């Protein structure tokens, strides 16, 4: 099984992980407000989770190569 087929089969789990990344980023940024390295880490997690969520939502079924 190719990697793109594995990602497509597990897209629901990957969406949940990306939503958890966004949530964790928001929580870190909220509770560590005005603490410079943690605000950046929270913003990165939130942005990366949002980007991955958009990618996983827009996945289409891969074509069979056989």
C-alpha atoms as a PDB file:
ATOM      1  CA  UNK A   1       0.000   0.000   0.000  1.00  0.00           C
ATOM      2  CA  UNK A   2       1.357   3.384  -1.001  1.00  0.00           C
ATOM      3  CA  UNK A   3       1.797   6.221   1.454  1.00  0.00           C
ATOM      4  CA  UNK A   4      -0.934   8.334  -0.144  1.00  0.00           C
ATOM      5  CA  UNK A   5      -3.402   5.450   0.316  1.00  0.00           C
ATOM      6  CA  UNK A   6      -2.416   5.115   3.997  1.00  0.00           C
ATOM      7  CA  UNK A   7      -2.907   8.843   4.556  1.00  0.00           C
ATOM      8  CA  UNK A   8      -6.291   8.701   2.827  1.00  0.00           C
ATOM      9  CA  UNK A   9      -7.394   5.706   4.918  1.00  0.00           C
ATOM     10  CA  UNK A  10      -6.393   7.454   8.172  1.00  0.00           C
ATOM     11  CA  UNK A  11      -7.652  10.938   7.288  1.00  0.00           C
ATOM     12  CA  UNK A  12     -10.170  11.055  10.142  1.00  0.00           C
ATOM     13  CA  UNK A  13      -7.481  10.324  12.726  1.00  0.00           C
ATOM     14  CA  UNK A  14      -5.178  12.884  11.128  1.00  0.00           C
ATOM     15  CA  UNK A  15      -7.930  15.521  11.220  1.00  0.00           C
ATOM     16  CA  UNK A  16      -8.441  14.872  14.928  1.00  0.00           C
ATOM     17  CA  UNK A  17      -4.685  15.186  15.554  1.00  0.00           C
ATOM     18  CA  UNK A  18      -4.572  18.496  13.682  1.00  0.00           C
ATOM     19  CA  UNK A  19      -7.541  19.843  15.677  1.00  0.00           C
ATOM     20  CA  UNK A  20      -5.772  18.814  18.889  1.00  0.00           C
ATOM     21  CA  UNK A  21      -2.640  20.640  17.704  1.00  0.00           C
ATOM     22  CA  UNK A  22      -4.698  23.797  17.142  1.00  0.00           C
ATOM     23  CA  UNK A  23      -6.343  23.454  20.548  1.00  0.00           C
ATOM     24  CA  UNK A  24      -2.995  22.875  22.263  1.00  0.00           C
ATOM     25  CA  UNK A  25      -1.544  25.934  20.524  1.00  0.00           C
ATOM     26  CA  UNK A  26      -4.425  28.102  21.702  1.00  0.00           C
ATOM     27  CA  UNK A  27      -4.128  26.805  25.272  1.00  0.00           C
ATOM     28  CA  UNK A  28      -0.357  27.382  25.361  1.00  0.00           C
ATOM     29  CA  UNK A  29      -0.702  30.888  23.913  1.00  0.00           C
ATOM     30  CA  UNK A  30      -3.507  31.776  26.341  1.00  0.00           C
ATOM     31  CA  UNK A  31      -1.867  30.566  29.530  1.00  0.00           C
ATOM     32  CA  UNK A  32       1.641  31.736  28.631  1.00  0.00           C
ATOM     33  CA  UNK A  33       0.643  35.181  27.389  1.00  0.00           C
ATOM     34  CA  UNK A  34       3.473  37.728  27.529  1.00  0.00           C
ATOM     35  CA  UNK A  35       6.096  34.979  27.810  1.00  0.00           C
ATOM     36  CA  UNK A  36       7.992  35.207  24.554  1.00  0.00           C
ATOM     37  CA  UNK A  37       9.150  31.690  23.636  1.00  0.00           C
ATOM     38  CA  UNK A  38       5.854  30.061  24.600  1.00  0.00           C
ATOM     39  CA  UNK A  39       3.737  32.501  22.597  1.00  0.00           C
ATOM     40  CA  UNK A  40       5.767  31.597  19.519  1.00  0.00           C
ATOM     41  CA  UNK A  41       5.460  27.868  20.178  1.00  0.00           C
ATOM     42  CA  UNK A  42       1.697  28.194  20.696  1.00  0.00           C
ATOM     43  CA  UNK A  43       1.328  30.197  17.495  1.00  0.00           C
ATOM     44  CA  UNK A  44       3.358  27.662  15.556  1.00  0.00           C
ATOM     45  CA  UNK A  45       1.275  24.749  16.832  1.00  0.00           C
ATOM     46  CA  UNK A  46      -1.952  26.543  16.044  1.00  0.00           C
ATOM     47  CA  UNK A  47      -0.816  27.487  12.534  1.00  0.00           C
ATOM     48  CA  UNK A  48       0.601  24.054  11.745  1.00  0.00           C
ATOM     49  CA  UNK A  49      -2.534  22.337  13.014  1.00  0.00           C
ATOM     50  CA  UNK A  50      -4.741  24.609  10.913  1.00  0.00           C
ATOM     51  CA  UNK A  51      -2.622  24.034   7.794  1.00  0.00           C
ATOM     52  CA  UNK A  52      -2.685  20.255   8.270  1.00  0.00           C
ATOM     53  CA  UNK A  53      -6.435  20.335   8.865  1.00  0.00           C
ATOM     54  CA  UNK A  54      -6.976  22.164   5.553  1.00  0.00           C
ATOM     55  CA  UNK A  55      -4.779  19.633   3.760  1.00  0.00           C
ATOM     56  CA  UNK A  56      -6.537  16.627   5.298  1.00  0.00           C
ATOM     57  CA  UNK A  57     -10.006  18.026   4.563  1.00  0.00           C
ATOM     58  CA  UNK A  58      -9.157  18.579   0.904  1.00  0.00           C
ATOM     59  CA  UNK A  59      -7.765  15.073   0.282  1.00  0.00           C
ATOM     60  CA  UNK A  60      -9.248  13.160  -2.594  1.00  0.00           C
ATOM     61  CA  UNK A  61      -9.180   9.435  -3.042  1.00  0.00           C
ATOM     62  CA  UNK A  62      -5.977   8.344  -4.793  1.00  0.00           C
ATOM     63  CA  UNK A  63      -6.269   6.581  -8.139  1.00  0.00           C
ATOM     64  CA  UNK A  64      -5.375   2.906  -8.316  1.00  0.00           C
ATOM     65  CA  UNK A  65      -2.017   2.353  -9.968  1.00  0.00           C
ATOM     66  CA  UNK A  66      -2.537  -1.325 -10.824  1.00  0.00           C
END
